[in-house]
């Protein structure tokens, strides 16, 4: 494949597949397109790559795109996104109990939000190993080459990620707004009263708490797992004089937290079997203001 035209046609024939792969890994179509374009630049630059020496060009392109995605994930972890390039599903705020029969599609967005919370809580190598193997069927030996790890270590990374993803079963997510709100109200009552025993009964054994500080509060970004750890963090939610405005975010029960009449966080809850399995806490002030000013 010496002809630049032939090479270009071959790459374009794979672009859709590569973009889908990158989008699954990154959760962001713009970043995915950038990753694929980076691979094309490497492939097409004169003298940069000996194409004739590549035995499996499709596999080579997959590896290059995967490594680019891994670098982007690591950069993202070190430098949270600005409000304009945040990843994951579009966040939608609506008034509490505003979901009717015509809004059933919004309830389905809970699954997207839940998966986003899980994926964002994974370390970059875990996320890459899980997506490449479980979504695209790439052998662990090839993923290990991308990660620079042993095959067995790569297998363990994917297994750990898979366990966390599968803990959130879409069929078991509570979609009834009243039932969701009942659990969330009990959660805040327990945190306000300092009732640790009740709080622990409300937290699912596989609970994940993801705080998203974004660009304005990067130090606040954190992931906490397990009922005991989340319960200890929940004690910090009992802010004196704070007020809570019930809303929904992507079909999930949520609240806007105000101090001195100023919104300081938005918290969304995913409920399963009458327990909280995920909490997403948005602390990025720029995104909070953006969402409140552009609801729905």
Protein backbone atom coordinates (compact mmCIF):
# COMPACT_ATOMS: atom_id res chain seq x y z
CA UNK A 1 0.00 0.00 0.00
CA UNK A 2 2.51 2.56 -1.22
CA UNK A 3 0.05 4.97 -2.83
CA UNK A 4 -1.04 7.85 -0.56
CA UNK A 5 -4.47 7.62 -2.16
CA UNK A 6 -4.76 3.92 -1.33
CA UNK A 7 -3.62 4.57 2.22
CA UNK A 8 -6.13 7.39 2.61
CA UNK A 9 -8.98 5.23 1.31
CA UNK A 10 -8.01 2.42 3.68
CA UNK A 11 -7.94 4.76 6.66
CA UNK A 12 -11.25 6.38 5.74
CA UNK A 13 -12.74 2.90 5.53
CA UNK A 14 -11.77 2.44 9.19
CA UNK A 15 -12.55 5.94 10.45
CA UNK A 16 -16.07 5.13 11.63
CA UNK A 17 -14.88 2.07 13.56
CA UNK A 18 -11.97 3.95 15.12
CA UNK A 19 -14.15 6.91 16.08
CA UNK A 20 -16.70 4.60 17.72
CA UNK A 21 -13.89 2.95 19.68
CA UNK A 22 -12.44 6.29 20.80
CA UNK A 23 -15.86 7.63 21.73
CA UNK A 24 -16.56 4.59 23.91
CA UNK A 25 -13.27 5.10 25.72
CA UNK A 26 -13.44 8.88 26.09
CA UNK A 27 -17.19 9.48 26.29
CA UNK A 28 -16.71 12.59 24.17
CA UNK A 29 -17.19 12.74 20.40
CA UNK A 30 -14.91 15.76 19.94
CA UNK A 31 -12.01 14.10 21.78
CA UNK A 32 -12.69 10.87 19.89
CA UNK A 33 -12.42 12.63 16.54
CA UNK A 34 -9.18 14.29 17.68
CA UNK A 35 -7.72 10.93 18.67
CA UNK A 36 -8.55 9.41 15.29
CA UNK A 37 -7.14 12.41 13.47
CA UNK A 38 -3.91 12.11 15.47
CA UNK A 39 -3.58 8.54 14.23
CA UNK A 40 -4.07 9.66 10.63
CA UNK A 41 -1.42 12.37 11.00
CA UNK A 42 1.05 9.78 12.27
CA UNK A 43 0.18 7.40 9.47
CA UNK A 44 0.23 9.90 6.63
CA UNK A 45 3.24 12.03 7.58
CA UNK A 46 6.06 11.26 5.09
CA UNK A 47 8.75 9.16 6.72
CA UNK A 48 7.02 9.06 10.10
CA UNK A 49 5.74 5.49 9.79
CA UNK A 50 7.00 2.61 7.65
CA UNK A 51 3.59 1.46 6.47
CA UNK A 52 5.05 -1.37 4.40
CA UNK A 53 6.53 -2.89 7.56
CA UNK A 54 3.18 -2.98 9.37
CA UNK A 55 1.78 -6.51 9.09
CA UNK A 56 -1.69 -5.65 10.41
CA UNK A 57 -2.53 -2.07 9.51
CA UNK A 58 -6.03 -2.19 11.02
CA UNK A 59 -4.59 -3.46 14.30
CA UNK A 60 -1.86 -0.81 14.21
CA UNK A 61 -4.45 1.94 13.80
CA UNK A 62 -6.48 0.53 16.68
CA UNK A 63 -3.40 0.49 18.90
CA UNK A 64 -2.41 4.06 18.02
CA UNK A 65 -5.92 5.39 18.63
CA UNK A 66 -6.13 3.46 21.92
CA UNK A 67 -2.82 4.90 23.15
CA UNK A 68 -3.93 8.39 22.18
CA UNK A 69 -7.14 7.85 24.15
CA UNK A 70 -5.16 6.63 27.16
CA UNK A 71 -3.04 9.78 27.08
CA UNK A 72 -6.17 11.92 26.87
CA UNK A 73 -7.71 10.11 29.85
CA UNK A 74 -4.55 10.69 31.90
CA UNK A 75 -4.44 14.35 30.89
CA UNK A 76 -8.11 14.69 31.80
CA UNK A 77 -7.46 13.23 35.25
CA UNK A 78 -4.65 15.74 35.79
CA UNK A 79 -6.55 18.69 34.32
CA UNK A 80 -10.34 18.56 34.70
CA UNK A 81 -12.38 19.85 31.78
CA UNK A 82 -13.68 23.36 31.36
CA UNK A 83 -17.47 23.82 31.40
CA UNK A 84 -17.54 23.76 27.61
CA UNK A 85 -15.78 20.46 27.03
CA UNK A 86 -17.15 18.27 29.81
CA UNK A 87 -17.55 14.59 28.97
CA UNK A 88 -20.42 12.19 29.33
CA UNK A 89 -24.13 12.61 28.78
CA UNK A 90 -25.64 16.06 28.61
CA UNK A 91 -26.85 16.96 32.09
CA UNK A 92 -30.47 18.08 32.20
CA UNK A 93 -32.16 19.74 35.17
CA UNK A 94 -35.92 19.77 35.62
CA UNK A 95 -38.29 20.66 38.46
CA UNK A 96 -38.92 17.87 40.94
CA UNK A 97 -41.77 15.49 40.04
CA UNK A 98 -41.91 16.98 36.55
CA UNK A 99 -41.79 13.61 34.81
CA UNK A 100 -44.97 12.45 33.14
CA UNK A 101 -45.74 9.65 30.66
CA UNK A 102 -44.42 11.82 27.85
CA UNK A 103 -41.04 12.01 29.58
CA UNK A 104 -40.26 8.29 29.78
CA UNK A 105 -37.25 8.83 27.52
CA UNK A 106 -35.74 11.04 30.21
CA UNK A 107 -35.97 8.20 32.71
CA UNK A 108 -33.80 6.13 30.38
CA UNK A 109 -31.12 8.81 30.72
CA UNK A 110 -30.53 7.58 34.26
CA UNK A 111 -28.71 4.62 32.77
CA UNK A 112 -26.43 6.94 30.80
CA UNK A 113 -25.77 9.05 33.90
CA UNK A 114 -25.12 5.95 36.02
CA UNK A 115 -22.67 4.52 33.49
CA UNK A 116 -20.94 7.88 33.19
CA UNK A 117 -20.44 8.05 36.96
CA UNK A 118 -18.90 4.57 36.97
CA UNK A 119 -16.60 5.18 34.00
CA UNK A 120 -15.43 8.53 35.38
CA UNK A 121 -14.54 6.82 38.65
CA UNK A 122 -12.28 4.27 36.93
CA UNK A 123 -8.54 4.78 36.59
CA UNK A 124 -7.52 5.36 32.93
CA UNK A 125 -5.93 1.88 32.50
CA UNK A 126 -9.04 0.23 34.00
CA UNK A 127 -11.34 2.13 31.70
CA UNK A 128 -9.27 1.37 28.61
CA UNK A 129 -8.92 -2.33 29.40
CA UNK A 130 -12.63 -2.72 30.08
CA UNK A 131 -13.85 -0.90 26.97
CA UNK A 132 -11.36 -2.49 24.57
CA UNK A 133 -12.03 -6.01 25.80
CA UNK A 134 -15.73 -6.00 26.70
CA UNK A 135 -17.02 -3.65 24.00
CA UNK A 136 -14.63 -4.39 21.14
CA UNK A 137 -13.37 -7.90 21.90
CA UNK A 138 -9.68 -6.98 21.77
CA UNK A 139 -7.50 -9.76 23.24
CA UNK A 140 -5.86 -8.97 26.56
CA UNK A 141 -2.44 -9.60 25.03
CA UNK A 142 -2.98 -6.71 22.59
CA UNK A 143 -4.43 -4.42 25.27
CA UNK A 144 -1.40 -5.20 27.43
CA UNK A 145 0.81 -3.82 24.65
CA UNK A 146 -1.18 -0.58 24.63
CA UNK A 147 -0.93 -0.24 28.41
CA UNK A 148 2.65 -1.43 28.73
CA UNK A 149 1.59 -4.06 31.28
CA UNK A 150 1.53 -7.84 31.46
CA UNK A 151 -1.43 -9.74 30.07
CA UNK A 152 -2.42 -10.94 33.55
CA UNK A 153 -2.25 -7.43 35.02
CA UNK A 154 -4.39 -6.16 32.14
CA UNK A 155 -6.93 -8.92 32.74
CA UNK A 156 -7.19 -7.88 36.40
CA UNK A 157 -7.71 -4.23 35.44
CA UNK A 158 -10.62 -5.15 33.17
CA UNK A 159 -12.09 -7.48 35.79
CA UNK A 160 -12.04 -4.76 38.44
CA UNK A 161 -13.68 -2.28 36.08
CA UNK A 162 -16.27 -4.85 34.96
CA UNK A 163 -17.27 -5.58 38.55
CA UNK A 164 -17.91 -1.90 39.20
CA UNK A 165 -19.83 -1.36 35.98
CA UNK A 166 -22.01 -4.43 36.43
CA UNK A 167 -22.85 -3.44 40.00
CA UNK A 168 -25.22 -0.90 38.43
CA UNK A 169 -27.86 -3.06 36.72
CA UNK A 170 -30.10 -0.90 34.49
CA UNK A 171 -33.03 -3.23 35.19
CA UNK A 172 -32.71 -2.57 38.92
CA UNK A 173 -32.47 1.23 38.85
CA UNK A 174 -35.47 2.86 40.54
CA UNK A 175 -37.35 5.00 38.01
CA UNK A 176 -40.35 6.04 40.11
CA UNK A 177 -39.79 9.71 41.08
CA UNK A 178 -41.65 9.42 44.40
CA UNK A 179 -39.68 6.35 45.45
CA UNK A 180 -36.41 8.02 44.51
CA UNK A 181 -37.27 11.16 46.45
CA UNK A 182 -38.26 9.18 49.54
CA UNK A 183 -34.80 7.60 49.74
CA UNK A 184 -33.03 10.91 49.09
CA UNK A 185 -35.08 12.68 51.77
CA UNK A 186 -34.22 9.94 54.25
CA UNK A 187 -30.54 10.30 53.31
CA UNK A 188 -30.48 14.02 54.07
CA UNK A 189 -32.48 13.54 57.28
CA UNK A 190 -29.93 10.99 58.49
CA UNK A 191 -26.98 13.24 57.60
CA UNK A 192 -28.63 16.20 59.32
CA UNK A 193 -29.28 14.18 62.48
CA UNK A 194 -25.88 12.49 62.44
CA UNK A 195 -27.65 9.11 62.39
CA UNK A 196 -24.89 6.87 61.05
CA UNK A 197 -26.82 3.61 61.53
CA UNK A 198 -29.76 4.79 59.43
CA UNK A 199 -27.42 6.31 56.87
CA UNK A 200 -25.62 3.00 56.38
CA UNK A 201 -28.92 1.20 55.72
CA UNK A 202 -29.62 3.67 52.90
CA UNK A 203 -26.29 3.08 51.14
CA UNK A 204 -25.88 0.19 48.70
CA UNK A 205 -22.90 -2.13 49.37
CA UNK A 206 -21.44 -1.11 45.98
CA UNK A 207 -22.06 2.63 46.35
CA UNK A 208 -19.83 5.06 44.48
CA UNK A 209 -19.64 8.76 45.34
CA UNK A 210 -18.11 10.91 42.60
CA UNK A 211 -17.34 14.56 43.32
CA UNK A 212 -16.76 16.58 40.15
CA UNK A 213 -14.82 19.77 40.81
CA UNK A 214 -14.28 20.44 37.11
CA UNK A 215 -12.17 23.40 36.06
CA UNK A 216 -13.09 25.77 38.87
CA UNK A 217 -12.47 23.38 41.81
CA UNK A 218 -10.12 20.65 40.53
CA UNK A 219 -8.89 19.78 44.02
CA UNK A 220 -12.45 18.78 44.96
CA UNK A 221 -12.62 16.03 42.33
CA UNK A 222 -12.63 12.65 44.07
CA UNK A 223 -14.15 9.19 44.01
CA UNK A 224 -15.17 7.39 47.20
CA UNK A 225 -16.42 3.81 47.36
CA UNK A 226 -18.14 1.74 50.02
CA UNK A 227 -20.91 2.56 52.53
CA UNK A 228 -18.64 3.39 55.46
CA UNK A 229 -16.42 5.77 53.49
CA UNK A 230 -19.38 7.49 51.83
CA UNK A 231 -21.20 7.80 55.16
CA UNK A 232 -18.17 9.54 56.65
CA UNK A 233 -18.08 11.92 53.68
CA UNK A 234 -21.83 12.51 54.02
CA UNK A 235 -21.25 14.09 57.41
CA UNK A 236 -19.80 17.07 55.53
CA UNK A 237 -23.14 17.58 53.76
CA UNK A 238 -24.75 18.81 56.99
CA UNK A 239 -23.87 22.44 56.26
CA UNK A 240 -25.40 24.86 58.78
CA UNK A 241 -28.06 27.09 57.20
CA UNK A 242 -27.82 25.24 53.85
CA UNK A 243 -31.03 24.88 51.87
CA UNK A 244 -31.89 22.22 49.33
CA UNK A 245 -34.00 22.65 46.20
CA UNK A 246 -35.40 19.32 44.97
CA UNK A 247 -34.96 18.82 41.21
CA UNK A 248 -34.31 15.97 38.80
CA UNK A 249 -31.11 15.47 36.83
CA UNK A 250 -31.39 13.15 33.82
CA UNK A 251 -34.36 11.43 35.43
CA UNK A 252 -32.64 10.94 38.79
CA UNK A 253 -33.66 12.60 42.04
CA UNK A 254 -31.32 15.50 42.72
CA UNK A 255 -30.94 18.67 44.77
CA UNK A 256 -29.36 22.06 44.31
CA UNK A 257 -27.53 22.99 47.51
CA UNK A 258 -27.59 26.68 48.45
CA UNK A 259 -25.62 28.58 51.07
CA UNK A 260 -26.44 32.25 51.58
CA UNK A 261 -28.89 31.91 48.67
CA UNK A 262 -26.02 30.97 46.35
CA UNK A 263 -25.90 27.54 44.60
CA UNK A 264 -22.74 25.69 45.63
CA UNK A 265 -23.40 22.16 44.39
CA UNK A 266 -25.81 19.91 42.53
CA UNK A 267 -26.18 16.35 43.80
CA UNK A 268 -27.84 13.53 41.85
CA UNK A 269 -28.71 10.10 43.26
CA UNK A 270 -29.14 6.73 41.55
CA UNK A 271 -31.35 4.37 43.56
CA UNK A 272 -31.44 0.57 43.41
CA UNK A 273 -33.57 -1.64 45.69
CA UNK A 274 -34.39 1.31 47.98
CA UNK A 275 -30.71 2.09 48.48
CA UNK A 276 -28.40 4.71 47.00
CA UNK A 277 -25.91 3.06 44.65
CA UNK A 278 -24.42 6.24 43.18
CA UNK A 279 -24.06 9.88 44.16
CA UNK A 280 -22.82 12.45 41.68
CA UNK A 281 -21.87 15.79 43.24
CA UNK A 282 -21.16 18.63 40.82
CA UNK A 283 -18.98 21.27 42.48
CA UNK A 284 -17.74 23.15 39.41
CA UNK A 285 -19.26 26.61 39.91
CA UNK A 286 -19.17 27.50 36.22
CA UNK A 287 -21.09 24.36 35.24
CA UNK A 288 -23.54 24.78 38.12
CA UNK A 289 -24.40 28.28 36.96
CA UNK A 290 -24.61 27.09 33.35
CA UNK A 291 -27.02 24.26 34.19
CA UNK A 292 -29.25 26.38 36.40
CA UNK A 293 -29.48 29.06 33.74
CA UNK A 294 -30.24 26.54 30.96
CA UNK A 295 -32.51 23.88 32.51
CA UNK A 296 -34.06 21.01 30.55
